[in-house]
């Protein structure tokens, strides 16, 4: 979680991308909040892995509303796309 928090918008994005995919089994509020924030990363792989993790977690309606209210259109579309797949996509 700390790797994602500290590196989601870093030039060295690879650790954050891996962290975003590994957090899928942790349905803690702080994890969900961090993944939502990471969906705004400038690194595409961090964004998409965060969206995949959130979709696979079957997050709460509150989290879905928070994502939908985002000013980041790509984050919203990435999450919705992953959610429509059932969160079963392979991580990149």
PDB file of N, CA and C in Angstrom:
ATOM      1  N   UNK A   1       0.827  -1.193   0.000  1.00  0.00           N
ATOM      2  CA  UNK A   1       0.000   0.000   0.000  1.00  0.00           C
ATOM      3  C   UNK A   1       0.870   1.255   0.000  1.00  0.00           C
ATOM      4  N   UNK A   2       1.916   1.230   0.818  1.00  0.00           N
ATOM      5  CA  UNK A   2       2.823   2.394   0.885  1.00  0.00           C
ATOM      6  C   UNK A   2       3.532   2.609  -0.448  1.00  0.00           C
ATOM      7  N   UNK A   3       3.881   1.540  -1.132  1.00  0.00           N
ATOM      8  CA  UNK A   3       4.531   1.677  -2.444  1.00  0.00           C
ATOM      9  C   UNK A   3       3.606   2.403  -3.405  1.00  0.00           C
ATOM     10  N   UNK A   4       2.341   2.033  -3.406  1.00  0.00           N
ATOM     11  CA  UNK A   4       1.388   2.700  -4.290  1.00  0.00           C
ATOM     12  C   UNK A   4       1.177   4.149  -3.866  1.00  0.00           C
ATOM     13  N   UNK A   5       0.996   4.377  -2.582  1.00  0.00           N
ATOM     14  CA  UNK A   5       0.792   5.739  -2.087  1.00  0.00           C
ATOM     15  C   UNK A   5       1.952   6.658  -2.431  1.00  0.00           C
ATOM     16  N   UNK A   6       3.156   6.146  -2.302  1.00  0.00           N
ATOM     17  CA  UNK A   6       4.348   6.981  -2.495  1.00  0.00           C
ATOM     18  C   UNK A   6       4.806   7.097  -3.946  1.00  0.00           C
ATOM     19  N   UNK A   7       4.345   6.210  -4.815  1.00  0.00           N
ATOM     20  CA  UNK A   7       4.888   6.176  -6.177  1.00  0.00           C
ATOM     21  C   UNK A   7       3.850   6.223  -7.294  1.00  0.00           C
ATOM     22  N   UNK A   8       2.570   6.411  -6.975  1.00  0.00           N
ATOM     23  CA  UNK A   8       1.572   6.297  -8.041  1.00  0.00           C
ATOM     24  C   UNK A   8       1.747   7.343  -9.135  1.00  0.00           C
ATOM     25  N   UNK A   9       2.351   8.465  -8.832  1.00  0.00           N
ATOM     26  CA  UNK A   9       2.532   9.500  -9.849  1.00  0.00           C
ATOM     27  C   UNK A   9       4.010   9.780 -10.119  1.00  0.00           C
ATOM     28  N   UNK A  10       4.840   8.818  -9.808  1.00  0.00           N
ATOM     29  CA  UNK A  10       6.283   8.950  -9.971  1.00  0.00           C
ATOM     30  C   UNK A  10       6.710   8.600 -11.393  1.00  0.00           C
ATOM     31  N   UNK A  11       7.864   9.108 -11.774  1.00  0.00           N
ATOM     32  CA  UNK A  11       8.449   8.713 -13.062  1.00  0.00           C
ATOM     33  C   UNK A  11       8.809   7.221 -13.045  1.00  0.00           C
ATOM     34  N   UNK A  12       9.117   6.717 -11.862  1.00  0.00           N
ATOM     35  CA  UNK A  12       9.423   5.302 -11.670  1.00  0.00           C
ATOM     36  C   UNK A  12       8.126   4.597 -11.269  1.00  0.00           C
ATOM     37  N   UNK A  13       7.231   4.393 -12.235  1.00  0.00           N
ATOM     38  CA  UNK A  13       5.873   3.945 -11.992  1.00  0.00           C
ATOM     39  C   UNK A  13       5.717   2.435 -11.843  1.00  0.00           C
ATOM     40  N   UNK A  14       6.714   1.652 -12.252  1.00  0.00           N
ATOM     41  CA  UNK A  14       6.570   0.194 -12.255  1.00  0.00           C
ATOM     42  C   UNK A  14       6.204  -0.382 -10.888  1.00  0.00           C
ATOM     43  N   UNK A  15       6.877   0.017  -9.780  1.00  0.00           N
ATOM     44  CA  UNK A  15       6.484  -0.534  -8.475  1.00  0.00           C
ATOM     45  C   UNK A  15       5.025  -0.212  -8.124  1.00  0.00           C
ATOM     46  N   UNK A  16       4.569   0.954  -8.492  1.00  0.00           N
ATOM     47  CA  UNK A  16       3.186   1.333  -8.205  1.00  0.00           C
ATOM     48  C   UNK A  16       2.206   0.491  -9.021  1.00  0.00           C
ATOM     49  N   UNK A  17       2.546   0.198 -10.259  1.00  0.00           N
ATOM     50  CA  UNK A  17       1.676  -0.633 -11.099  1.00  0.00           C
ATOM     51  C   UNK A  17       1.536  -2.035 -10.507  1.00  0.00           C
ATOM     52  N   UNK A  18       2.649  -2.586 -10.046  1.00  0.00           N
ATOM     53  CA  UNK A  18       2.619  -3.917  -9.424  1.00  0.00           C
ATOM     54  C   UNK A  18       1.833  -3.859  -8.115  1.00  0.00           C
ATOM     55  N   UNK A  19       2.069  -2.824  -7.322  1.00  0.00           N
ATOM     56  CA  UNK A  19       1.359  -2.676  -6.054  1.00  0.00           C
ATOM     57  C   UNK A  19      -0.146  -2.561  -6.289  1.00  0.00           C
ATOM     58  N   UNK A  20      -0.555  -1.810  -7.296  1.00  0.00           N
ATOM     59  CA  UNK A  20      -1.982  -1.642  -7.583  1.00  0.00           C
ATOM     60  C   UNK A  20      -2.641  -2.978  -7.898  1.00  0.00           C
ATOM     61  N   UNK A  21      -1.943  -3.834  -8.607  1.00  0.00           N
ATOM     62  CA  UNK A  21      -2.520  -5.141  -8.931  1.00  0.00           C
ATOM     63  C   UNK A  21      -2.495  -6.088  -7.735  1.00  0.00           C
ATOM     64  N   UNK A  22      -1.541  -5.926  -6.848  1.00  0.00           N
ATOM     65  CA  UNK A  22      -1.432  -6.853  -5.709  1.00  0.00           C
ATOM     66  C   UNK A  22      -2.411  -6.525  -4.586  1.00  0.00           C
ATOM     67  N   UNK A  23      -3.009  -5.357  -4.607  1.00  0.00           N
ATOM     68  CA  UNK A  23      -3.907  -4.945  -3.531  1.00  0.00           C
ATOM     69  C   UNK A  23      -5.336  -5.448  -3.707  1.00  0.00           C
ATOM     70  N   UNK A  24      -5.588  -6.170  -4.757  1.00  0.00           N
ATOM     71  CA  UNK A  24      -6.947  -6.625  -5.060  1.00  0.00           C
ATOM     72  C   UNK A  24      -7.559  -7.463  -3.938  1.00  0.00           C
ATOM     73  N   UNK A  25      -6.766  -8.182  -3.169  1.00  0.00           N
ATOM     74  CA  UNK A  25      -7.336  -9.020  -2.103  1.00  0.00           C
ATOM     75  C   UNK A  25      -7.551  -8.299  -0.778  1.00  0.00           C
ATOM     76  N   UNK A  26      -7.225  -7.027  -0.726  1.00  0.00           N
ATOM     77  CA  UNK A  26      -7.349  -6.270   0.525  1.00  0.00           C
ATOM     78  C   UNK A  26      -8.507  -5.286   0.430  1.00  0.00           C
ATOM     79  N   UNK A  27      -9.652  -5.651   0.935  1.00  0.00           N
ATOM     80  CA  UNK A  27     -10.845  -4.812   0.839  1.00  0.00           C
ATOM     81  C   UNK A  27     -10.966  -3.875   2.025  1.00  0.00           C
ATOM     82  N   UNK A  28      -9.931  -3.161   2.296  1.00  0.00           N
ATOM     83  CA  UNK A  28      -9.930  -2.196   3.392  1.00  0.00           C
ATOM     84  C   UNK A  28     -10.233  -0.816   2.813  1.00  0.00           C
ATOM     85  N   UNK A  29     -10.908   0.006   3.584  1.00  0.00           N
ATOM     86  CA  UNK A  29     -11.295   1.350   3.131  1.00  0.00           C
ATOM     87  C   UNK A  29     -10.100   2.168   2.634  1.00  0.00           C
ATOM     88  N   UNK A  30      -8.986   2.089   3.346  1.00  0.00           N
ATOM     89  CA  UNK A  30      -7.800   2.860   2.965  1.00  0.00           C
ATOM     90  C   UNK A  30      -7.227   2.362   1.634  1.00  0.00           C
ATOM     91  N   UNK A  31      -7.307   1.064   1.389  1.00  0.00           N
ATOM     92  CA  UNK A  31      -6.841   0.502   0.119  1.00  0.00           C
ATOM     93  C   UNK A  31      -7.708   1.019  -1.020  1.00  0.00           C
ATOM     94  N   UNK A  32      -9.014   0.981  -0.835  1.00  0.00           N
ATOM     95  CA  UNK A  32      -9.936   1.463  -1.870  1.00  0.00           C
ATOM     96  C   UNK A  32      -9.683   2.940  -2.167  1.00  0.00           C
ATOM     97  N   UNK A  33      -9.533   3.747  -1.133  1.00  0.00           N
ATOM     98  CA  UNK A  33      -9.270   5.174  -1.306  1.00  0.00           C
ATOM     99  C   UNK A  33      -7.965   5.406  -2.063  1.00  0.00           C
ATOM    100  N   UNK A  34      -6.944   4.646  -1.725  1.00  0.00           N
ATOM    101  CA  UNK A  34      -5.644   4.792  -2.396  1.00  0.00           C
ATOM    102  C   UNK A  34      -5.734   4.371  -3.856  1.00  0.00           C
ATOM    103  N   UNK A  35      -6.444   3.285  -4.145  1.00  0.00           N
ATOM    104  CA  UNK A  35      -6.606   2.844  -5.535  1.00  0.00           C
ATOM    105  C   UNK A  35      -7.387   3.869  -6.350  1.00  0.00           C
ATOM    106  N   UNK A  36      -8.396   4.468  -5.749  1.00  0.00           N
ATOM    107  CA  UNK A  36      -9.157   5.514  -6.449  1.00  0.00           C
ATOM    108  C   UNK A  36      -8.235   6.684  -6.783  1.00  0.00           C
ATOM    109  N   UNK A  37      -7.430   7.082  -5.838  1.00  0.00           N
ATOM    110  CA  UNK A  37      -6.478   8.178  -6.076  1.00  0.00           C
ATOM    111  C   UNK A  37      -5.469   7.791  -7.159  1.00  0.00           C
ATOM    112  N   UNK A  38      -5.014   6.541  -7.140  1.00  0.00           N
ATOM    113  CA  UNK A  38      -4.015   6.078  -8.111  1.00  0.00           C
ATOM    114  C   UNK A  38      -4.573   6.012  -9.531  1.00  0.00           C
ATOM    115  N   UNK A  39      -5.888   5.985  -9.674  1.00  0.00           N
ATOM    116  CA  UNK A  39      -6.474   5.989 -11.016  1.00  0.00           C
ATOM    117  C   UNK A  39      -6.257   7.313 -11.723  1.00  0.00           C
ATOM    118  N   UNK A  40      -5.706   8.298 -11.026  1.00  0.00           N
ATOM    119  CA  UNK A  40      -5.399   9.581 -11.656  1.00  0.00           C
ATOM    120  C   UNK A  40      -3.916   9.703 -12.010  1.00  0.00           C
ATOM    121  N   UNK A  41      -3.184   8.628 -11.853  1.00  0.00           N
ATOM    122  CA  UNK A  41      -1.744   8.629 -12.136  1.00  0.00           C
ATOM    123  C   UNK A  41      -1.465   9.042 -13.580  1.00  0.00           C
ATOM    124  N   UNK A  42      -0.280   9.599 -13.787  1.00  0.00           N
ATOM    125  CA  UNK A  42       0.110   9.924 -15.165  1.00  0.00           C
ATOM    126  C   UNK A  42       0.603   8.680 -15.912  1.00  0.00           C
ATOM    127  N   UNK A  43       0.791   7.575 -15.184  1.00  0.00           N
ATOM    128  CA  UNK A  43       1.235   6.317 -15.796  1.00  0.00           C
ATOM    129  C   UNK A  43       0.022   5.433 -16.103  1.00  0.00           C
ATOM    130  N   UNK A  44      -0.147   5.083 -17.363  1.00  0.00           N
ATOM    131  CA  UNK A  44      -1.293   4.295 -17.805  1.00  0.00           C
ATOM    132  C   UNK A  44      -1.390   2.972 -17.058  1.00  0.00           C
ATOM    133  N   UNK A  45      -0.293   2.265 -16.852  1.00  0.00           N
ATOM    134  CA  UNK A  45      -0.335   0.964 -16.191  1.00  0.00           C
ATOM    135  C   UNK A  45      -0.796   1.075 -14.740  1.00  0.00           C
ATOM    136  N   UNK A  46      -0.437   2.127 -14.060  1.00  0.00           N
ATOM    137  CA  UNK A  46      -0.902   2.338 -12.687  1.00  0.00           C
ATOM    138  C   UNK A  46      -2.408   2.567 -12.711  1.00  0.00           C
ATOM    139  N   UNK A  47      -2.860   3.388 -13.640  1.00  0.00           N
ATOM    140  CA  UNK A  47      -4.293   3.684 -13.765  1.00  0.00           C
ATOM    141  C   UNK A  47      -5.109   2.412 -14.021  1.00  0.00           C
ATOM    142  N   UNK A  48      -4.689   1.664 -15.023  1.00  0.00           N
ATOM    143  CA  UNK A  48      -5.489   0.506 -15.430  1.00  0.00           C
ATOM    144  C   UNK A  48      -5.442  -0.591 -14.374  1.00  0.00           C
ATOM    145  N   UNK A  49      -4.295  -0.819 -13.735  1.00  0.00           N
ATOM    146  CA  UNK A  49      -4.231  -1.839 -12.688  1.00  0.00           C
ATOM    147  C   UNK A  49      -5.052  -1.424 -11.466  1.00  0.00           C
ATOM    148  N   UNK A  50      -5.089  -0.148 -11.179  1.00  0.00           N
ATOM    149  CA  UNK A  50      -5.936   0.338 -10.075  1.00  0.00           C
ATOM    150  C   UNK A  50      -7.406   0.110 -10.410  1.00  0.00           C
ATOM    151  N   UNK A  51      -7.790   0.423 -11.630  1.00  0.00           N
ATOM    152  CA  UNK A  51      -9.180   0.214 -12.061  1.00  0.00           C
ATOM    153  C   UNK A  51      -9.540  -1.267 -12.021  1.00  0.00           C
ATOM    154  N   UNK A  52      -8.624  -2.121 -12.459  1.00  0.00           N
ATOM    155  CA  UNK A  52      -8.884  -3.567 -12.444  1.00  0.00           C
ATOM    156  C   UNK A  52      -9.046  -4.081 -11.025  1.00  0.00           C
ATOM    157  N   UNK A  53      -8.205  -3.617 -10.123  1.00  0.00           N
ATOM    158  CA  UNK A  53      -8.314  -4.052  -8.726  1.00  0.00           C
ATOM    159  C   UNK A  53      -9.638  -3.609  -8.128  1.00  0.00           C
ATOM    160  N   UNK A  54     -10.000  -2.366  -8.349  1.00  0.00           N
ATOM    161  CA  UNK A  54     -11.268  -1.864  -7.811  1.00  0.00           C
ATOM    162  C   UNK A  54     -12.459  -2.628  -8.384  1.00  0.00           C
ATOM    163  N   UNK A  55     -12.430  -2.914  -9.670  1.00  0.00           N
ATOM    164  CA  UNK A  55     -13.530  -3.659 -10.297  1.00  0.00           C
ATOM    165  C   UNK A  55     -13.618  -5.074  -9.732  1.00  0.00           C
ATOM    166  N   UNK A  56     -12.490  -5.707  -9.531  1.00  0.00           N
ATOM    167  CA  UNK A  56     -12.472  -7.069  -8.996  1.00  0.00           C
ATOM    168  C   UNK A  56     -12.904  -7.118  -7.533  1.00  0.00           C
ATOM    169  N   UNK A  57     -12.688  -6.018  -6.806  1.00  0.00           N
ATOM    170  CA  UNK A  57     -13.065  -5.956  -5.391  1.00  0.00           C
ATOM    171  C   UNK A  57     -14.568  -5.847  -5.190  1.00  0.00           C
ATOM    172  N   UNK A  58     -15.297  -5.477  -6.217  1.00  0.00           N
ATOM    173  CA  UNK A  58     -16.730  -5.230  -6.073  1.00  0.00           C
ATOM    174  C   UNK A  58     -16.958  -4.179  -4.973  1.00  0.00           C
ATOM    175  N   UNK A  59     -16.382  -3.007  -5.206  1.00  0.00           N
ATOM    176  CA  UNK A  59     -16.397  -1.924  -4.216  1.00  0.00           C
ATOM    177  C   UNK A  59     -17.813  -1.426  -3.923  1.00  0.00           C
ATOM    178  N   UNK A  60     -17.932  -0.699  -2.833  1.00  0.00           N
ATOM    179  CA  UNK A  60     -19.226  -0.185  -2.368  1.00  0.00           C
ATOM    180  C   UNK A  60     -19.799   0.850  -3.339  1.00  0.00           C
ATOM    181  N   UNK A  61     -21.089   1.086  -3.185  1.00  0.00           N
ATOM    182  CA  UNK A  61     -21.751   2.118  -3.992  1.00  0.00           C
ATOM    183  C   UNK A  61     -21.138   3.485  -3.733  1.00  0.00           C
ATOM    184  N   UNK A  62     -20.717   3.742  -2.487  1.00  0.00           N
ATOM    185  CA  UNK A  62     -20.077   5.016  -2.152  1.00  0.00           C
ATOM    186  C   UNK A  62     -18.810   5.191  -2.956  1.00  0.00           C
ATOM    187  N   UNK A  63     -17.996   4.141  -3.059  1.00  0.00           N
ATOM    188  CA  UNK A  63     -16.754   4.214  -3.830  1.00  0.00           C
ATOM    189  C   UNK A  63     -17.053   4.416  -5.312  1.00  0.00           C
ATOM    190  N   UNK A  64     -18.079   3.755  -5.794  1.00  0.00           N
ATOM    191  CA  UNK A  64     -18.462   3.916  -7.205  1.00  0.00           C
ATOM    192  C   UNK A  64     -18.894   5.356  -7.469  1.00  0.00           C
ATOM    193  N   UNK A  65     -19.645   5.930  -6.546  1.00  0.00           N
ATOM    194  CA  UNK A  65     -20.056   7.337  -6.700  1.00  0.00           C
ATOM    195  C   UNK A  65     -18.839   8.262  -6.670  1.00  0.00           C
ATOM    196  N   UNK A  66     -17.879   7.941  -5.815  1.00  0.00           N
ATOM    197  CA  UNK A  66     -16.658   8.759  -5.735  1.00  0.00           C
ATOM    198  C   UNK A  66     -15.881   8.701  -7.055  1.00  0.00           C
ATOM    199  N   UNK A  67     -15.797   7.523  -7.627  1.00  0.00           N
ATOM    200  CA  UNK A  67     -15.115   7.370  -8.919  1.00  0.00           C
ATOM    201  C   UNK A  67     -15.889   8.118 -10.002  1.00  0.00           C
ATOM    202  N   UNK A  68     -17.200   7.952 -10.025  1.00  0.00           N
ATOM    203  CA  UNK A  68     -18.036   8.597 -11.043  1.00  0.00           C
ATOM    204  C   UNK A  68     -17.982  10.117 -10.945  1.00  0.00           C
ATOM    205  N   UNK A  69     -17.791  10.644  -9.738  1.00  0.00           N
ATOM    206  CA  UNK A  69     -17.738  12.094  -9.543  1.00  0.00           C
ATOM    207  C   UNK A  69     -16.377  12.681  -9.903  1.00  0.00           C
ATOM    208  N   UNK A  70     -15.445  11.825 -10.258  1.00  0.00           N
ATOM    209  CA  UNK A  70     -14.094  12.276 -10.592  1.00  0.00           C
ATOM    210  C   UNK A  70     -14.108  13.203 -11.800  1.00  0.00           C
ATOM    211  N   UNK A  71     -13.185  14.138 -11.801  1.00  0.00           N
ATOM    212  CA  UNK A  71     -13.020  15.012 -12.962  1.00  0.00           C
ATOM    213  C   UNK A  71     -12.132  14.371 -14.014  1.00  0.00           C
ATOM    214  N   UNK A  72     -11.696  13.152 -13.760  1.00  0.00           N
ATOM    215  CA  UNK A  72     -10.811  12.435 -14.676  1.00  0.00           C
ATOM    216  C   UNK A  72     -11.643  11.451 -15.501  1.00  0.00           C
ATOM    217  N   UNK A  73     -11.980  11.852 -16.688  1.00  0.00           N
ATOM    218  CA  UNK A  73     -12.845  11.049 -17.542  1.00  0.00           C
ATOM    219  C   UNK A  73     -12.256   9.678 -17.834  1.00  0.00           C
ATOM    220  N   UNK A  74     -10.934   9.628 -18.046  1.00  0.00           N
ATOM    221  CA  UNK A  74     -10.307   8.350 -18.334  1.00  0.00           C
ATOM    222  C   UNK A  74     -10.444   7.395 -17.145  1.00  0.00           C
ATOM    223  N   UNK A  75     -10.281   7.899 -15.929  1.00  0.00           N
ATOM    224  CA  UNK A  75     -10.395   7.047 -14.735  1.00  0.00           C
ATOM    225  C   UNK A  75     -11.798   6.447 -14.650  1.00  0.00           C
ATOM    226  N   UNK A  76     -12.804   7.264 -14.895  1.00  0.00           N
ATOM    227  CA  UNK A  76     -14.182   6.797 -14.859  1.00  0.00           C
ATOM    228  C   UNK A  76     -14.404   5.737 -15.931  1.00  0.00           C
ATOM    229  N   UNK A  77     -13.950   6.010 -17.154  1.00  0.00           N
ATOM    230  CA  UNK A  77     -14.148   5.066 -18.254  1.00  0.00           C
ATOM    231  C   UNK A  77     -13.365   3.768 -18.038  1.00  0.00           C
ATOM    232  N   UNK A  78     -12.157   3.865 -17.504  1.00  0.00           N
ATOM    233  CA  UNK A  78     -11.356   2.665 -17.242  1.00  0.00           C
ATOM    234  C   UNK A  78     -12.045   1.784 -16.202  1.00  0.00           C
ATOM    235  N   UNK A  79     -12.548   2.402 -15.140  1.00  0.00           N
ATOM    236  CA  UNK A  79     -13.244   1.636 -14.106  1.00  0.00           C
ATOM    237  C   UNK A  79     -14.498   0.984 -14.667  1.00  0.00           C
ATOM    238  N   UNK A  80     -15.299   1.747 -15.386  1.00  0.00           N
ATOM    239  CA  UNK A  80     -16.538   1.199 -15.952  1.00  0.00           C
ATOM    240  C   UNK A  80     -16.246   0.065 -16.929  1.00  0.00           C
ATOM    241  N   UNK A  81     -15.210   0.216 -17.714  1.00  0.00           N
ATOM    242  CA  UNK A  81     -14.828  -0.837 -18.653  1.00  0.00           C
ATOM    243  C   UNK A  81     -14.433  -2.109 -17.914  1.00  0.00           C
ATOM    244  N   UNK A  82     -13.627  -1.966 -16.897  1.00  0.00           N
ATOM    245  CA  UNK A  82     -13.196  -3.133 -16.120  1.00  0.00           C
ATOM    246  C   UNK A  82     -14.366  -3.750 -15.361  1.00  0.00           C
ATOM    247  N   UNK A  83     -15.237  -2.917 -14.855  1.00  0.00           N
ATOM    248  CA  UNK A  83     -16.407  -3.421 -14.133  1.00  0.00           C
ATOM    249  C   UNK A  83     -17.335  -4.202 -15.052  1.00  0.00           C
ATOM    250  N   UNK A  84     -17.451  -3.751 -16.284  1.00  0.00           N
ATOM    251  CA  UNK A  84     -18.316  -4.461 -17.240  1.00  0.00           C
ATOM    252  C   UNK A  84     -17.733  -5.814 -17.637  1.00  0.00           C
ATOM    253  N   UNK A  85     -16.427  -5.967 -17.488  1.00  0.00           N
ATOM    254  CA  UNK A  85     -15.765  -7.252 -17.768  1.00  0.00           C
ATOM    255  C   UNK A  85     -15.851  -8.192 -16.572  1.00  0.00           C
ATOM    256  N   UNK A  86     -16.336  -7.682 -15.462  1.00  0.00           N
ATOM    257  CA  UNK A  86     -16.429  -8.499 -14.267  1.00  0.00           C
ATOM    258  C   UNK A  86     -15.152  -8.535 -13.467  1.00  0.00           C
ATOM    259  N   UNK A  87     -14.172  -7.670 -13.798  1.00  0.00           N
ATOM    260  CA  UNK A  87     -12.931  -7.609 -13.043  1.00  0.00           C
ATOM    261  C   UNK A  87     -12.048  -8.830 -13.220  1.00  0.00           C
ATOM    262  N   UNK A  88     -12.249  -9.572 -14.304  1.00  0.00           N
ATOM    263  CA  UNK A  88     -11.510 -10.811 -14.487  1.00  0.00           C
ATOM    264  C   UNK A  88     -10.353 -10.673 -15.486  1.00  0.00           C
ATOM    265  N   UNK A  89     -10.030  -9.474 -15.863  1.00  0.00           N
ATOM    266  CA  UNK A  89      -8.954  -9.225 -16.829  1.00  0.00           C
ATOM    267  C   UNK A  89      -7.586  -9.479 -16.199  1.00  0.00           C
ATOM    268  N   UNK A  90      -6.639  -9.865 -17.010  1.00  0.00           N
ATOM    269  CA  UNK A  90      -5.275 -10.088 -16.555  1.00  0.00           C
ATOM    270  C   UNK A  90      -4.606  -8.745 -16.318  1.00  0.00           C
ATOM    271  N   UNK A  91      -3.856  -8.631 -15.235  1.00  0.00           N
ATOM    272  CA  UNK A  91      -3.155  -7.385 -14.924  1.00  0.00           C
ATOM    273  C   UNK A  91      -1.978  -7.195 -15.864  1.00  0.00           C
ATOM    274  N   UNK A  92      -1.670  -5.926 -16.142  1.00  0.00           N
ATOM    275  CA  UNK A  92      -0.535  -5.597 -17.012  1.00  0.00           C
ATOM    276  C   UNK A  92       0.580  -5.007 -16.194  1.00  0.00           C
TER     277      UNK A  92
END
